[in-house]
């Protein structure tokens, strides 16, 4: 006599029990249970639709609503018992629902498959996570605006090739970071347009013969619209890859911020002080103050970029429609979202307390001949060709190097030895303050422009 495995999902098809290792190896409930809230939300909307088309009675709908509410409470309180024998979050919830309310729990799955159910849950989950990410991103942007306003007049060296190039204000530098995050925010919101399309109703791959109302379900779940093709609906993970790509860009930006903070906090730069609460010491060197938060964020950027590659490789050879491979999409997505939220929160908490060492920044800008380009521009305005002006300034810089003086510290006679066009007014533009003030146009580093940019930006945050 054949023994039927009654504990296996769809057990009537199978004559043998699943190998214990295979059962554990193929189960996803260990990680996809975090989508329980979204799964319940999707089931409630699906049940309401089934009632409307006559598949469920009003009493069965009420029983399902009551049962799912109880399950939601059990999960929130940590009382729910998860079982790998039920494989995933969907079957665990369905099995418990059936225990609570009987046959109505089994009827809930009419007109859908786990294929379209999981695709819907992931989209709902990412939608919620993007909202949480945007909150932290906008907190960081607000912190940057506040700090930029405080430092709108603070002069520091601007760098190219990590060499002193021209003087800028610290406020202007912080606003560059703000602009990077603006693009990140736009990308997340644009990504949301493609996430917010509902696959529920595609069933396993071909749709369903039941007269379902997908527009009703989409409206109940807050989706823009139902998806257009059942095959694509259950197998599409473009939205997940796009989210990971947007997340990778955010982390790349945070990594660049981190690199500058680490450099600036070093004794060699000594531009900023990162508060003790965001640093640690050394187990052997008592003088050390390590900028652990920026360093760790810089390191975490690699894992998020790795998740993007993982998702791309996951999908690159899959035929239509759903394949078990897609079980591997969740852990990279979950970790990407968690990492983004935590890193943005850490930066948003830290930035208001980062202190600029203004005198050190100013002196560093003076040491690097940062106003050399201003002298060249001055000579051009006097009628000299730019290439000739470039040569003249190069000679003046050489004298400064040989004598250990900044251009503003050379005498008028010395400067006129390189060009008779140079007058006493040149010292106004050779000073750092004159240099930054002269960049008084949209996008320039002049303090007036920085304040205008901050005022305009405050209306963008949260809009």
Protein backbone atom coordinates (compact mmCIF):
# COMPACT_ATOMS: atom_id res chain seq x y z
CA UNK A 1 0.00 0.00 0.00
CA UNK A 2 1.31 3.49 -0.91
CA UNK A 3 1.82 5.92 1.95
CA UNK A 4 0.79 9.49 1.10
CA UNK A 5 2.70 12.39 2.63
CA UNK A 6 -0.15 14.39 4.13
CA UNK A 7 2.05 17.16 5.53
CA UNK A 8 3.47 18.27 2.18
CA UNK A 9 1.83 21.11 0.24
CA UNK A 10 -0.28 19.59 -2.57
CA UNK A 11 0.59 16.27 -0.98
CA UNK A 12 -1.79 14.16 -3.07
CA UNK A 13 0.63 14.39 -6.01
CA UNK A 14 3.53 12.90 -4.04
CA UNK A 15 4.03 9.33 -2.86
CA UNK A 16 7.11 10.03 -0.73
CA UNK A 17 7.93 12.46 1.99
CA UNK A 18 10.32 15.26 1.17
CA UNK A 19 13.87 14.65 2.31
CA UNK A 20 14.39 16.54 5.56
CA UNK A 21 17.37 18.47 4.22
CA UNK A 22 15.57 19.33 0.97
CA UNK A 23 12.57 20.51 2.96
CA UNK A 24 14.78 22.91 4.90
CA UNK A 25 16.83 23.85 1.83
CA UNK A 26 13.81 24.85 -0.26
CA UNK A 27 11.82 26.59 2.49
CA UNK A 28 11.78 30.39 2.45
CA UNK A 29 9.75 31.03 5.60
CA UNK A 30 12.93 31.79 7.54
CA UNK A 31 13.28 35.07 5.68
CA UNK A 32 10.04 35.80 3.83
CA UNK A 33 8.01 35.87 7.06
CA UNK A 34 8.93 39.53 7.30
CA UNK A 35 6.37 40.09 4.51
CA UNK A 36 3.54 38.77 6.71
CA UNK A 37 1.90 42.17 7.11
CA UNK A 38 1.88 42.69 3.35
CA UNK A 39 0.66 39.14 2.75
CA UNK A 40 -2.29 39.68 5.08
CA UNK A 41 -3.07 43.00 3.42
CA UNK A 42 -3.10 41.33 0.00
CA UNK A 43 -5.31 38.51 1.25
CA UNK A 44 -7.84 40.91 2.74
CA UNK A 45 -8.18 42.75 -0.57
CA UNK A 46 -8.39 39.48 -2.52
CA UNK A 47 -11.08 38.16 -0.17
CA UNK A 48 -13.14 41.33 -0.54
CA UNK A 49 -12.97 40.96 -4.31
CA UNK A 50 -13.92 37.26 -4.16
CA UNK A 51 -16.94 38.18 -2.09
CA UNK A 52 -18.00 40.81 -4.61
CA UNK A 53 -17.93 38.28 -7.48
CA UNK A 54 -19.80 35.64 -5.45
CA UNK A 55 -16.98 33.18 -4.70
CA UNK A 56 -17.18 33.93 -0.97
CA UNK A 57 -20.29 34.63 1.07
CA UNK A 58 -20.52 37.66 3.34
CA UNK A 59 -20.11 35.35 6.34
CA UNK A 60 -17.01 33.70 4.84
CA UNK A 61 -15.51 37.12 4.17
CA UNK A 62 -16.19 38.15 7.77
CA UNK A 63 -14.60 34.92 9.03
CA UNK A 64 -11.52 35.50 6.87
CA UNK A 65 -11.21 39.08 8.08
CA UNK A 66 -11.55 37.98 11.70
CA UNK A 67 -9.04 35.14 11.25
CA UNK A 68 -6.45 37.28 9.48
CA UNK A 69 -6.80 39.96 12.16
CA UNK A 70 -6.09 37.34 14.82
CA UNK A 71 -3.08 36.02 12.88
CA UNK A 72 -1.76 39.54 12.45
CA UNK A 73 -1.96 40.04 16.18
CA UNK A 74 -0.21 36.74 16.89
CA UNK A 75 2.62 37.71 14.55
CA UNK A 76 2.97 41.18 16.08
CA UNK A 77 3.16 39.68 19.58
CA UNK A 78 5.63 36.99 18.54
CA UNK A 79 3.17 34.20 19.31
CA UNK A 80 2.81 32.84 15.78
CA UNK A 81 4.44 29.44 15.23
CA UNK A 82 6.27 29.36 11.88
CA UNK A 83 6.80 25.96 10.25
CA UNK A 84 9.19 25.05 7.44
CA UNK A 85 6.79 22.25 6.52
CA UNK A 86 4.51 24.99 5.18
CA UNK A 87 7.49 26.32 3.16
CA UNK A 88 6.76 30.04 3.09
CA UNK A 89 4.91 32.96 4.65
CA UNK A 90 1.87 32.44 2.41
CA UNK A 91 1.19 28.81 3.32
CA UNK A 92 1.96 29.37 7.00
CA UNK A 93 -0.69 32.06 7.18
CA UNK A 94 -3.17 30.07 5.08
CA UNK A 95 -2.71 26.95 7.25
CA UNK A 96 -3.25 28.91 10.45
CA UNK A 97 -6.28 30.64 8.94
CA UNK A 98 -7.79 27.27 8.04
CA UNK A 99 -7.17 26.05 11.59
CA UNK A 100 -9.05 29.07 12.91
CA UNK A 101 -12.03 29.32 10.54
CA UNK A 102 -12.23 26.04 8.64
CA UNK A 103 -13.06 25.64 4.97
CA UNK A 104 -13.37 29.37 4.29
CA UNK A 105 -9.62 29.55 4.84
CA UNK A 106 -9.09 27.10 2.00
CA UNK A 107 -11.39 29.05 -0.31
CA UNK A 108 -9.29 32.21 0.07
CA UNK A 109 -6.74 30.98 -2.47
CA UNK A 110 -9.35 30.78 -5.25
CA UNK A 111 -8.28 32.74 -8.32
CA UNK A 112 -4.67 33.29 -7.29
CA UNK A 113 -1.37 31.42 -7.03
CA UNK A 114 1.62 31.84 -4.81
CA UNK A 115 3.35 33.12 -7.94
CA UNK A 116 1.24 36.26 -8.23
CA UNK A 117 0.81 36.41 -4.45
CA UNK A 118 4.53 36.68 -3.72
CA UNK A 119 5.06 39.17 -6.55
CA UNK A 120 2.34 41.32 -4.99
CA UNK A 121 3.76 40.98 -1.48
CA UNK A 122 7.23 42.06 -2.60
CA UNK A 123 5.85 45.14 -4.32
CA UNK A 124 3.82 46.06 -1.23
CA UNK A 125 6.90 45.50 0.93
CA UNK A 126 9.16 47.66 -1.23
CA UNK A 127 6.52 50.35 -1.37
CA UNK A 128 6.51 50.50 2.44
CA UNK A 129 10.31 50.42 2.62
CA UNK A 130 10.72 53.20 0.07
CA UNK A 131 8.47 55.37 2.24
CA UNK A 132 10.74 54.65 5.24
CA UNK A 133 13.89 55.28 3.19
CA UNK A 134 12.54 58.62 1.95
CA UNK A 135 11.89 59.71 5.54
CA UNK A 136 15.55 59.10 6.49
CA UNK A 137 16.85 60.58 3.24
CA UNK A 138 14.88 63.77 3.81
CA UNK A 139 16.08 63.92 7.44
CA UNK A 140 19.64 63.86 6.13
CA UNK A 141 18.88 66.52 3.54
CA UNK A 142 17.42 68.77 6.22
CA UNK A 143 20.51 68.26 8.37
CA UNK A 144 22.73 69.20 5.41
CA UNK A 145 20.70 72.36 4.74
CA UNK A 146 20.95 73.42 8.37
CA UNK A 147 24.69 72.80 8.45
CA UNK A 148 25.21 74.55 5.09
CA UNK A 149 23.39 77.60 6.40
CA UNK A 150 25.68 77.71 9.43
CA UNK A 151 28.76 77.40 7.21
CA UNK A 152 27.74 79.56 4.23
CA UNK A 153 30.70 81.90 4.85
CA UNK A 154 33.21 79.28 5.97
CA UNK A 155 36.07 79.19 3.46
CA UNK A 156 37.83 75.93 2.69
CA UNK A 157 39.91 74.60 -0.20
CA UNK A 158 38.08 73.02 -3.08
CA UNK A 159 39.93 70.04 -4.54
CA UNK A 160 40.49 68.36 -7.85
CA UNK A 161 42.73 65.27 -7.91
CA UNK A 162 42.75 65.78 -4.11
CA UNK A 163 44.97 68.82 -4.73
CA UNK A 164 43.97 72.34 -3.69
CA UNK A 165 42.22 73.89 -6.69
CA UNK A 166 40.12 76.93 -5.79
CA UNK A 167 38.56 78.26 -2.60
CA UNK A 168 34.94 77.32 -1.91
CA UNK A 169 32.70 77.63 1.10
CA UNK A 170 31.94 74.66 3.32
CA UNK A 171 28.28 75.49 2.88
CA UNK A 172 28.67 75.16 -0.89
CA UNK A 173 30.37 71.80 -0.46
CA UNK A 174 27.55 70.53 1.75
CA UNK A 175 25.02 71.68 -0.85
CA UNK A 176 26.79 69.48 -3.40
CA UNK A 177 25.98 66.52 -1.19
CA UNK A 178 22.40 67.77 -0.94
CA UNK A 179 22.08 67.82 -4.74
CA UNK A 180 23.29 64.22 -4.97
CA UNK A 181 20.57 63.18 -2.54
CA UNK A 182 17.97 65.10 -4.56
CA UNK A 183 18.71 62.84 -7.53
CA UNK A 184 18.50 59.82 -5.24
CA UNK A 185 15.09 60.92 -4.02
CA UNK A 186 13.88 61.41 -7.60
CA UNK A 187 15.12 57.97 -8.60
CA UNK A 188 13.30 56.29 -5.71
CA UNK A 189 10.07 58.08 -6.54
CA UNK A 190 10.42 57.20 -10.20
CA UNK A 191 11.16 53.57 -9.31
CA UNK A 192 7.97 53.58 -7.24
CA UNK A 193 5.92 54.14 -10.42
CA UNK A 194 6.98 50.72 -11.71
CA UNK A 195 6.80 49.02 -8.33
CA UNK A 196 3.24 50.20 -7.81
CA UNK A 197 1.68 47.94 -10.48
CA UNK A 198 -0.35 44.98 -9.20
CA UNK A 199 0.40 41.42 -10.43
CA UNK A 200 -2.33 39.79 -8.31
CA UNK A 201 -4.79 38.02 -10.59
CA UNK A 202 -2.13 36.70 -12.95
CA UNK A 203 -2.40 33.47 -10.94
CA UNK A 204 0.27 30.87 -11.75
CA UNK A 205 1.13 32.29 -15.19
CA UNK A 206 -1.95 32.43 -17.45
CA UNK A 207 -4.54 34.29 -15.43
CA UNK A 208 -7.63 32.61 -14.01
CA UNK A 209 -11.00 31.42 -15.33
CA UNK A 210 -12.81 33.06 -12.40
CA UNK A 211 -14.47 36.43 -13.18
CA UNK A 212 -12.12 38.39 -10.91
CA UNK A 213 -12.12 42.17 -10.68
CA UNK A 214 -8.46 43.14 -10.73
CA UNK A 215 -9.19 46.86 -10.81
CA UNK A 216 -11.08 46.54 -7.53
CA UNK A 217 -8.19 44.66 -5.89
CA UNK A 218 -5.66 47.17 -7.19
CA UNK A 219 -7.69 50.05 -5.80
CA UNK A 220 -8.05 48.38 -2.40
CA UNK A 221 -4.27 47.86 -2.23
CA UNK A 222 -3.39 51.34 -3.45
CA UNK A 223 -1.77 50.22 -6.71
CA UNK A 224 -1.85 52.55 -9.72
CA UNK A 225 -3.24 49.78 -11.92
CA UNK A 226 -3.21 46.00 -12.47
CA UNK A 227 -0.42 44.58 -14.63
CA UNK A 228 -1.08 43.94 -18.33
CA UNK A 229 0.37 40.48 -19.01
CA UNK A 230 0.05 37.45 -16.76
CA UNK A 231 3.30 35.79 -17.88
CA UNK A 232 5.30 38.94 -17.27
CA UNK A 233 3.45 39.65 -14.03
CA UNK A 234 4.63 36.56 -12.17
CA UNK A 235 8.18 36.55 -13.51
CA UNK A 236 9.06 40.26 -13.60
CA UNK A 237 11.71 41.35 -11.13
CA UNK A 238 12.81 44.45 -13.04
CA UNK A 239 11.32 46.59 -10.29
CA UNK A 240 13.48 44.82 -7.70
CA UNK A 241 16.63 45.32 -9.77
CA UNK A 242 15.73 48.97 -10.31
CA UNK A 243 15.28 49.44 -6.56
CA UNK A 244 18.66 47.82 -5.92
CA UNK A 245 20.24 50.09 -8.55
CA UNK A 246 18.74 53.18 -6.93
CA UNK A 247 19.91 51.88 -3.56
CA UNK A 248 23.42 51.31 -4.90
CA UNK A 249 23.60 54.91 -6.09
CA UNK A 250 22.48 56.18 -2.68
CA UNK A 251 25.13 54.07 -0.99
CA UNK A 252 27.76 55.20 -3.49
CA UNK A 253 26.93 58.79 -2.57
CA UNK A 254 27.06 58.06 1.15
CA UNK A 255 30.38 56.32 0.58
CA UNK A 256 31.77 59.45 -1.08
CA UNK A 257 30.50 61.57 1.81
CA UNK A 258 32.12 59.11 4.20
CA UNK A 259 35.47 59.26 2.44
CA UNK A 260 35.59 63.04 2.75
CA UNK A 261 34.55 62.96 6.39
CA UNK A 262 37.23 60.38 7.17
CA UNK A 263 39.86 62.48 5.43
CA UNK A 264 38.74 65.74 7.00
CA UNK A 265 38.68 64.22 10.50
CA UNK A 266 42.30 63.05 10.17
CA UNK A 267 45.18 64.91 11.82
CA UNK A 268 46.57 65.63 8.35
CA UNK A 269 43.49 67.62 7.31
CA UNK A 270 41.93 68.48 10.69
CA UNK A 271 38.97 70.23 9.05
CA UNK A 272 36.17 68.77 11.17
CA UNK A 273 35.39 67.12 14.45
CA UNK A 274 33.02 64.13 14.43
CA UNK A 275 31.25 63.81 17.79
CA UNK A 276 32.40 61.11 20.18
CA UNK A 277 29.02 59.36 19.98
CA UNK A 278 29.78 58.37 16.38
CA UNK A 279 33.39 57.29 16.93
CA UNK A 280 35.28 54.63 18.87
CA UNK A 281 38.74 54.30 20.33
CA UNK A 282 41.56 51.84 19.85
CA UNK A 283 42.18 48.82 22.05
CA UNK A 284 45.90 49.57 22.08
CA UNK A 285 46.42 53.24 21.11
CA UNK A 286 44.78 55.50 23.71
CA UNK A 287 45.02 58.63 21.57
CA UNK A 288 42.88 57.27 18.74
CA UNK A 289 39.42 58.51 17.79
CA UNK A 290 38.25 56.42 14.88
CA UNK A 291 35.43 57.68 12.60
CA UNK A 292 33.64 54.34 12.69
CA UNK A 293 30.24 55.43 11.37
CA UNK A 294 31.56 56.93 8.11
CA UNK A 295 33.96 54.02 7.68
CA UNK A 296 31.23 51.43 8.20
CA UNK A 297 28.84 53.21 5.83
CA UNK A 298 31.63 53.31 3.24
CA UNK A 299 32.08 49.56 3.68
CA UNK A 300 28.37 48.80 3.48
CA UNK A 301 28.16 50.41 0.06
CA UNK A 302 29.93 47.33 -1.30
CA UNK A 303 27.34 44.91 0.01
CA UNK A 304 24.47 46.88 -1.57
CA UNK A 305 26.24 47.03 -4.93
CA UNK A 306 26.80 43.29 -4.54
CA UNK A 307 23.06 42.75 -4.05
CA UNK A 308 22.42 44.57 -7.33
CA UNK A 309 24.80 42.22 -9.14
CA UNK A 310 23.20 39.25 -7.41
CA UNK A 311 19.73 40.20 -8.65
CA UNK A 312 20.96 40.83 -12.18
CA UNK A 313 22.62 37.41 -12.28
CA UNK A 314 19.53 35.81 -10.72
CA UNK A 315 17.35 36.95 -13.61
CA UNK A 316 19.70 36.87 -16.59
CA UNK A 317 18.95 33.31 -17.81
CA UNK A 318 15.44 32.68 -16.54
CA UNK A 319 12.81 31.67 -19.08
CA UNK A 320 9.21 32.78 -18.61
CA UNK A 321 7.39 32.42 -16.30
CA UNK A 322 7.97 31.84 -12.56
CA UNK A 323 10.97 29.74 -11.48
CA UNK A 324 12.13 28.67 -8.02
CA UNK A 325 15.26 30.77 -8.58
CA UNK A 326 13.15 33.78 -7.72
CA UNK A 327 13.05 32.70 -4.10
CA UNK A 328 16.57 34.16 -4.00
CA UNK A 329 15.36 37.69 -4.72
CA UNK A 330 14.16 38.46 -1.20
CA UNK A 331 17.25 38.38 0.98
CA UNK A 332 19.21 40.82 -1.24
CA UNK A 333 16.18 43.13 -1.38
CA UNK A 334 15.53 42.99 2.35
CA UNK A 335 19.18 43.64 3.19
CA UNK A 336 19.39 46.48 0.68
CA UNK A 337 16.40 48.21 2.25
CA UNK A 338 17.64 47.63 5.81
CA UNK A 339 21.11 48.92 4.96
CA UNK A 340 19.76 52.05 3.28
CA UNK A 341 17.48 52.91 6.18
CA UNK A 342 20.21 52.36 8.79
CA UNK A 343 22.98 54.21 6.93
CA UNK A 344 20.78 57.20 6.13
CA UNK A 345 19.61 57.30 9.72
CA UNK A 346 23.20 57.20 11.01
CA UNK A 347 24.19 60.11 8.76
CA UNK A 348 21.05 62.10 9.57
CA UNK A 349 21.77 61.67 13.29
CA UNK A 350 25.46 62.51 12.93
CA UNK A 351 25.60 65.49 10.55
CA UNK A 352 23.98 68.10 12.85
CA UNK A 353 26.81 67.50 15.36
CA UNK A 354 29.78 67.58 12.95
CA UNK A 355 31.80 70.72 13.77
CA UNK A 356 33.81 72.64 11.21
CA UNK A 357 37.29 73.76 12.26
CA UNK A 358 37.00 77.01 10.36
CA UNK A 359 40.47 78.41 10.99
CA UNK A 360 42.13 75.19 9.82
CA UNK A 361 40.01 75.14 6.67
CA UNK A 362 40.88 78.77 5.94
CA UNK A 363 44.61 78.30 6.46
CA UNK A 364 44.62 75.20 4.27
CA UNK A 365 43.02 77.16 1.43
CA UNK A 366 45.72 79.82 1.78
CA UNK A 367 48.51 77.27 1.54
CA UNK A 368 47.50 75.87 -1.82
CA UNK A 369 47.59 78.98 -4.09
CA UNK A 370 43.83 78.59 -4.38
CA UNK A 371 43.39 82.03 -5.95
CA UNK A 372 45.75 81.39 -8.88
CA UNK A 373 42.84 81.10 -11.31
CA UNK A 374 41.46 84.41 -10.01
CA UNK A 375 44.75 86.10 -10.94
CA UNK A 376 44.58 84.59 -14.43
CA UNK A 377 40.98 85.78 -14.84
CA UNK A 378 42.05 89.25 -13.66
CA UNK A 379 44.72 89.44 -16.37
CA UNK A 380 42.25 88.26 -19.03
CA UNK A 381 39.90 91.09 -18.03
CA UNK A 382 42.87 93.40 -18.51
CA UNK A 383 43.12 92.24 -22.13
CA UNK A 384 45.68 89.43 -21.91
CA UNK A 385 45.05 86.15 -23.75
CA UNK A 386 44.19 83.37 -21.31
CA UNK A 387 47.16 81.17 -22.27
CA UNK A 388 49.55 84.08 -21.67
CA UNK A 389 47.82 84.83 -18.37
CA UNK A 390 48.21 81.15 -17.42
CA UNK A 391 51.97 81.45 -18.02
CA UNK A 392 52.27 84.63 -15.98
CA UNK A 393 50.42 83.12 -13.02
CA UNK A 394 52.55 79.99 -13.21
CA UNK A 395 55.68 82.15 -12.79
CA UNK A 396 54.08 83.96 -9.82
CA UNK A 397 53.19 80.62 -8.18
CA UNK A 398 56.79 79.47 -8.63
CA UNK A 399 58.01 82.55 -6.78
CA UNK A 400 55.49 81.87 -4.04
CA UNK A 401 56.71 78.29 -3.72
CA UNK A 402 60.35 79.37 -3.58
CA UNK A 403 59.71 82.06 -0.96
CA UNK A 404 57.06 80.18 1.05
CA UNK A 405 54.36 82.79 0.47
CA UNK A 406 50.81 82.79 -0.87
CA UNK A 407 50.04 84.91 -3.96
CA UNK A 408 48.27 87.44 -1.73
CA UNK A 409 51.52 87.81 0.24
CA UNK A 410 53.69 88.76 -2.75
CA UNK A 411 54.42 92.46 -3.15
CA UNK A 412 52.93 94.59 -5.92
CA UNK A 413 56.40 95.14 -7.37
CA UNK A 414 57.00 91.39 -7.49
CA UNK A 415 53.69 90.76 -9.25
CA UNK A 416 54.29 93.61 -11.71
CA UNK A 417 57.60 91.98 -12.56
CA UNK A 418 55.52 89.30 -14.30
CA UNK A 419 53.04 91.72 -15.91
CA UNK A 420 52.81 95.52 -15.92
CA UNK A 421 49.01 95.14 -16.24
CA UNK A 422 48.75 94.20 -12.58
CA UNK A 423 47.53 97.02 -10.33
CA UNK A 424 47.09 97.43 -6.60
CA UNK A 425 43.42 96.34 -6.85
CA UNK A 426 44.63 92.79 -7.59
CA UNK A 427 44.88 92.09 -3.87
CA UNK A 428 41.11 92.31 -3.56
CA UNK A 429 40.73 89.21 -5.73
CA UNK A 430 43.80 87.42 -4.40
CA UNK A 431 42.20 87.23 -0.95
CA UNK A 432 40.13 84.14 -0.29
CA UNK A 433 37.07 86.18 0.62
CA UNK A 434 37.22 88.09 -2.65
CA UNK A 435 37.65 84.89 -4.63
CA UNK A 436 34.57 83.15 -3.25
CA UNK A 437 32.47 86.33 -3.37
CA UNK A 438 33.25 86.76 -7.07
CA UNK A 439 31.53 83.44 -7.93
CA UNK A 440 28.18 85.16 -7.48
CA UNK A 441 25.95 83.37 -9.98
CA UNK A 442 23.51 80.44 -9.88
CA UNK A 443 25.47 77.38 -8.79
CA UNK A 444 28.46 79.44 -7.62
CA UNK A 445 30.19 79.25 -4.25
CA UNK A 446 29.57 82.87 -3.20
CA UNK A 447 27.92 82.97 0.24
CA UNK A 448 25.01 84.95 -1.21
CA UNK A 449 24.37 82.19 -3.76
CA UNK A 450 24.73 79.45 -1.14
CA UNK A 451 22.03 81.08 0.97
CA UNK A 452 19.75 81.45 -2.04
CA UNK A 453 20.29 77.78 -2.90
CA UNK A 454 19.46 76.76 0.67
CA UNK A 455 16.26 78.84 0.69
CA UNK A 456 15.13 77.28 -2.60
CA UNK A 457 16.06 73.77 -1.45
CA UNK A 458 14.01 73.93 1.75
CA UNK A 459 10.88 73.95 -0.37
CA UNK A 460 12.00 70.75 -2.13
CA UNK A 461 12.52 68.57 0.93
CA UNK A 462 9.41 66.54 1.58
CA UNK A 463 7.65 67.98 -1.47
